[in-house]
């Protein structure tokens, strides 16, 4: 059954007329967002909707920016230029350890933890540590209740 993002929108206002920011709450997992657009994007993780499709290979994406990044694999476009050697890349962020390149800074930061062994995310119930927040959340959902995983 198809549902629209708007049907899952819950808006919260400040109590007793206080100036607190409005939030938009996901009815699937109760996560709150400051903007309706952020909620709409988040809802796609629950519904599986991927509205942007590559015309070359048919691969589908949640966000238009991800499709645009993917299209570079077909076009060979390299819009990022090194300020030192003028070499061009399709992905601007590079791992300091192995040279692998990424399109987002957060992805290279997560990747670099595979080299450093850093595990900054700790389970408050069993003290097990993880290199990525998503891995901690998966652990909480598998080992404890999904309700506790909503904290992260």
C-alpha atoms as a PDB file:
ATOM      1  CA  UNK A   1       0.000   0.000   0.000  1.00  0.00           C
ATOM      2  CA  UNK A   2       1.452   3.356  -0.991  1.00  0.00           C
ATOM      3  CA  UNK A   3       1.592   6.125   1.555  1.00  0.00           C
ATOM      4  CA  UNK A   4       2.626   9.713   1.250  1.00  0.00           C
ATOM      5  CA  UNK A   5       5.220  11.422   3.397  1.00  0.00           C
ATOM      6  CA  UNK A   6       2.587  13.896   4.564  1.00  0.00           C
ATOM      7  CA  UNK A   7       0.444  11.119   6.039  1.00  0.00           C
ATOM      8  CA  UNK A   8       3.224  10.330   8.495  1.00  0.00           C
ATOM      9  CA  UNK A   9       3.876  13.919   9.563  1.00  0.00           C
ATOM     10  CA  UNK A  10       3.416  14.898  13.185  1.00  0.00           C
ATOM     11  CA  UNK A  11       4.180  18.494  14.089  1.00  0.00           C
ATOM     12  CA  UNK A  12       5.125  19.438  17.613  1.00  0.00           C
ATOM     13  CA  UNK A  13       4.842  22.967  18.960  1.00  0.00           C
ATOM     14  CA  UNK A  14       6.260  24.548  22.079  1.00  0.00           C
ATOM     15  CA  UNK A  15       4.302  24.163  25.316  1.00  0.00           C
ATOM     16  CA  UNK A  16       2.257  27.018  26.741  1.00  0.00           C
ATOM     17  CA  UNK A  17       3.157  29.370  23.908  1.00  0.00           C
ATOM     18  CA  UNK A  18       6.909  29.222  24.559  1.00  0.00           C
ATOM     19  CA  UNK A  19       9.175  29.843  21.601  1.00  0.00           C
ATOM     20  CA  UNK A  20      10.495  26.364  20.970  1.00  0.00           C
ATOM     21  CA  UNK A  21      11.260  25.244  17.443  1.00  0.00           C
ATOM     22  CA  UNK A  22       8.651  23.236  15.583  1.00  0.00           C
ATOM     23  CA  UNK A  23       9.707  19.719  14.878  1.00  0.00           C
ATOM     24  CA  UNK A  24       8.439  17.143  12.451  1.00  0.00           C
ATOM     25  CA  UNK A  25       8.174  13.640  13.906  1.00  0.00           C
ATOM     26  CA  UNK A  26       8.399  10.360  12.021  1.00  0.00           C
ATOM     27  CA  UNK A  27       5.477   8.123  12.900  1.00  0.00           C
ATOM     28  CA  UNK A  28       7.507   5.021  12.040  1.00  0.00           C
ATOM     29  CA  UNK A  29      10.347   5.544  14.539  1.00  0.00           C
ATOM     30  CA  UNK A  30       9.468   8.792  16.410  1.00  0.00           C
ATOM     31  CA  UNK A  31      12.692  10.523  15.276  1.00  0.00           C
ATOM     32  CA  UNK A  32      12.265  14.310  15.116  1.00  0.00           C
ATOM     33  CA  UNK A  33      13.479  16.740  12.447  1.00  0.00           C
ATOM     34  CA  UNK A  34      13.594  20.544  12.385  1.00  0.00           C
ATOM     35  CA  UNK A  35      12.433  20.719   8.747  1.00  0.00           C
ATOM     36  CA  UNK A  36       9.666  18.902   6.892  1.00  0.00           C
ATOM     37  CA  UNK A  37      12.050  18.273   3.977  1.00  0.00           C
ATOM     38  CA  UNK A  38      14.417  16.412   6.306  1.00  0.00           C
ATOM     39  CA  UNK A  39      11.540  14.259   7.518  1.00  0.00           C
ATOM     40  CA  UNK A  40      10.409  13.563   3.946  1.00  0.00           C
ATOM     41  CA  UNK A  41      13.928  12.400   3.077  1.00  0.00           C
ATOM     42  CA  UNK A  42      14.114  10.275   6.238  1.00  0.00           C
ATOM     43  CA  UNK A  43      10.766   8.615   5.471  1.00  0.00           C
ATOM     44  CA  UNK A  44      12.322   7.108   2.351  1.00  0.00           C
ATOM     45  CA  UNK A  45      14.494   4.943   4.612  1.00  0.00           C
ATOM     46  CA  UNK A  46      11.277   3.353   5.913  1.00  0.00           C
ATOM     47  CA  UNK A  47       9.280   3.213   2.672  1.00  0.00           C
ATOM     48  CA  UNK A  48      12.149   2.202   0.388  1.00  0.00           C
ATOM     49  CA  UNK A  49      11.217   4.963  -2.062  1.00  0.00           C
ATOM     50  CA  UNK A  50      14.063   5.821  -4.464  1.00  0.00           C
ATOM     51  CA  UNK A  51      12.605   8.387  -6.857  1.00  0.00           C
ATOM     52  CA  UNK A  52      15.783   9.265  -8.789  1.00  0.00           C
ATOM     53  CA  UNK A  53      16.881   6.773 -11.443  1.00  0.00           C
ATOM     54  CA  UNK A  54      20.018   6.664 -13.578  1.00  0.00           C
ATOM     55  CA  UNK A  55      19.130   6.773 -17.265  1.00  0.00           C
ATOM     56  CA  UNK A  56      22.259   4.790 -18.143  1.00  0.00           C
ATOM     57  CA  UNK A  57      22.092   1.756 -15.835  1.00  0.00           C
ATOM     58  CA  UNK A  58      18.754   2.021 -14.021  1.00  0.00           C
ATOM     59  CA  UNK A  59      20.211   2.295 -10.515  1.00  0.00           C
ATOM     60  CA  UNK A  60      17.888   4.228  -8.187  1.00  0.00           C
ATOM     61  CA  UNK A  61      18.676   6.791  -5.478  1.00  0.00           C
ATOM     62  CA  UNK A  62      16.969   8.453  -2.517  1.00  0.00           C
ATOM     63  CA  UNK A  63      18.466  11.887  -3.248  1.00  0.00           C
ATOM     64  CA  UNK A  64      19.130  13.748  -6.480  1.00  0.00           C
ATOM     65  CA  UNK A  65      22.656  14.647  -5.316  1.00  0.00           C
ATOM     66  CA  UNK A  66      23.478  10.933  -5.057  1.00  0.00           C
ATOM     67  CA  UNK A  67      22.279  10.365  -8.617  1.00  0.00           C
ATOM     68  CA  UNK A  68      24.407  13.289  -9.828  1.00  0.00           C
ATOM     69  CA  UNK A  69      27.473  11.848  -8.069  1.00  0.00           C
ATOM     70  CA  UNK A  70      26.739   8.412  -9.559  1.00  0.00           C
ATOM     71  CA  UNK A  71      26.429   9.859 -13.080  1.00  0.00           C
ATOM     72  CA  UNK A  72      30.139  10.711 -12.946  1.00  0.00           C
ATOM     73  CA  UNK A  73      30.863   6.985 -13.191  1.00  0.00           C
ATOM     74  CA  UNK A  74      29.286   7.086 -16.654  1.00  0.00           C
ATOM     75  CA  UNK A  75      30.461  10.509 -17.863  1.00  0.00           C
ATOM     76  CA  UNK A  76      33.978  10.443 -16.448  1.00  0.00           C
ATOM     77  CA  UNK A  77      33.483  13.977 -15.099  1.00  0.00           C
ATOM     78  CA  UNK A  78      36.130  15.011 -12.552  1.00  0.00           C
ATOM     79  CA  UNK A  79      35.016  18.360 -11.076  1.00  0.00           C
ATOM     80  CA  UNK A  80      37.461  18.523  -8.151  1.00  0.00           C
ATOM     81  CA  UNK A  81      40.985  19.762  -8.828  1.00  0.00           C
ATOM     82  CA  UNK A  82      43.979  19.429  -6.487  1.00  0.00           C
ATOM     83  CA  UNK A  83      45.284  22.890  -5.633  1.00  0.00           C
ATOM     84  CA  UNK A  84      48.881  21.615  -5.579  1.00  0.00           C
ATOM     85  CA  UNK A  85      49.261  19.389  -8.649  1.00  0.00           C
ATOM     86  CA  UNK A  86      46.135  20.323 -10.666  1.00  0.00           C
ATOM     87  CA  UNK A  87      45.122  16.652 -10.963  1.00  0.00           C
ATOM     88  CA  UNK A  88      41.332  16.268 -11.222  1.00  0.00           C
ATOM     89  CA  UNK A  89      39.119  13.859  -9.258  1.00  0.00           C
ATOM     90  CA  UNK A  90      35.464  12.893  -9.171  1.00  0.00           C
ATOM     91  CA  UNK A  91      35.589  12.657  -5.364  1.00  0.00           C
ATOM     92  CA  UNK A  92      37.153  15.468  -3.311  1.00  0.00           C
ATOM     93  CA  UNK A  93      37.973  13.703  -0.013  1.00  0.00           C
ATOM     94  CA  UNK A  94      40.925  11.322   0.287  1.00  0.00           C
ATOM     95  CA  UNK A  95      41.991   8.891   3.011  1.00  0.00           C
ATOM     96  CA  UNK A  96      45.326   9.939   4.528  1.00  0.00           C
ATOM     97  CA  UNK A  97      46.339   6.281   4.946  1.00  0.00           C
ATOM     98  CA  UNK A  98      45.481   4.487   1.703  1.00  0.00           C
ATOM     99  CA  UNK A  99      44.492   7.217  -0.763  1.00  0.00           C
ATOM    100  CA  UNK A 100      40.935   5.945  -1.346  1.00  0.00           C
ATOM    101  CA  UNK A 101      38.670   8.829  -2.358  1.00  0.00           C
ATOM    102  CA  UNK A 102      35.164   9.719  -1.135  1.00  0.00           C
ATOM    103  CA  UNK A 103      32.446  12.158  -2.141  1.00  0.00           C
ATOM    104  CA  UNK A 104      31.577  13.114   1.466  1.00  0.00           C
ATOM    105  CA  UNK A 105      33.859  14.119   4.331  1.00  0.00           C
ATOM    106  CA  UNK A 106      31.907  11.999   6.834  1.00  0.00           C
ATOM    107  CA  UNK A 107      32.495   8.888   4.709  1.00  0.00           C
ATOM    108  CA  UNK A 108      36.269   9.357   4.634  1.00  0.00           C
ATOM    109  CA  UNK A 109      36.246   9.977   8.400  1.00  0.00           C
ATOM    110  CA  UNK A 110      34.343   6.715   8.966  1.00  0.00           C
ATOM    111  CA  UNK A 111      36.693   4.880   6.587  1.00  0.00           C
ATOM    112  CA  UNK A 112      39.861   6.174   8.266  1.00  0.00           C
ATOM    113  CA  UNK A 113      38.783   4.455  11.484  1.00  0.00           C
ATOM    114  CA  UNK A 114      39.457   1.127   9.726  1.00  0.00           C
ATOM    115  CA  UNK A 115      43.127   2.173   9.727  1.00  0.00           C
ATOM    116  CA  UNK A 116      43.326   3.781  13.170  1.00  0.00           C
ATOM    117  CA  UNK A 117      41.178   1.275  15.048  1.00  0.00           C
ATOM    118  CA  UNK A 118      39.311   4.138  16.728  1.00  0.00           C
ATOM    119  CA  UNK A 119      35.912   3.112  18.127  1.00  0.00           C
ATOM    120  CA  UNK A 120      34.276   6.277  19.507  1.00  0.00           C
ATOM    121  CA  UNK A 121      30.717   4.903  19.830  1.00  0.00           C
ATOM    122  CA  UNK A 122      30.064   2.865  22.988  1.00  0.00           C
ATOM    123  CA  UNK A 123      27.033   0.800  23.975  1.00  0.00           C
ATOM    124  CA  UNK A 124      25.762   2.050  27.315  1.00  0.00           C
ATOM    125  CA  UNK A 125      24.428  -1.425  28.188  1.00  0.00           C
ATOM    126  CA  UNK A 126      27.412  -3.713  27.514  1.00  0.00           C
ATOM    127  CA  UNK A 127      30.277  -1.230  26.863  1.00  0.00           C
ATOM    128  CA  UNK A 128      31.036  -2.730  23.447  1.00  0.00           C
ATOM    129  CA  UNK A 129      32.590  -0.090  21.157  1.00  0.00           C
ATOM    130  CA  UNK A 130      32.003   0.641  17.467  1.00  0.00           C
ATOM    131  CA  UNK A 131      33.734   2.655  14.754  1.00  0.00           C
ATOM    132  CA  UNK A 132      30.475   3.977  13.287  1.00  0.00           C
ATOM    133  CA  UNK A 133      27.242   5.215  14.853  1.00  0.00           C
ATOM    134  CA  UNK A 134      25.244   3.030  12.444  1.00  0.00           C
ATOM    135  CA  UNK A 135      27.038  -0.078  13.740  1.00  0.00           C
ATOM    136  CA  UNK A 136      26.150   0.845  17.328  1.00  0.00           C
ATOM    137  CA  UNK A 137      22.524   1.376  16.331  1.00  0.00           C
ATOM    138  CA  UNK A 138      22.410  -2.033  14.595  1.00  0.00           C
ATOM    139  CA  UNK A 139      23.922  -3.628  17.718  1.00  0.00           C
ATOM    140  CA  UNK A 140      21.272  -2.009  19.909  1.00  0.00           C
ATOM    141  CA  UNK A 141      18.490  -3.173  17.626  1.00  0.00           C
ATOM    142  CA  UNK A 142      19.836  -6.735  17.505  1.00  0.00           C
ATOM    143  CA  UNK A 143      20.818  -7.105  21.152  1.00  0.00           C
ATOM    144  CA  UNK A 144      18.305  -4.893  22.908  1.00  0.00           C
ATOM    145  CA  UNK A 145      15.028  -3.274  21.855  1.00  0.00           C
ATOM    146  CA  UNK A 146      14.619  -1.020  18.826  1.00  0.00           C
ATOM    147  CA  UNK A 147      13.270   1.614  21.224  1.00  0.00           C
ATOM    148  CA  UNK A 148      16.710   1.941  22.843  1.00  0.00           C
ATOM    149  CA  UNK A 149      18.296   2.286  19.388  1.00  0.00           C
ATOM    150  CA  UNK A 150      16.198   5.406  18.748  1.00  0.00           C
ATOM    151  CA  UNK A 151      18.373   7.287  21.220  1.00  0.00           C
ATOM    152  CA  UNK A 152      21.214   7.319  18.670  1.00  0.00           C
END
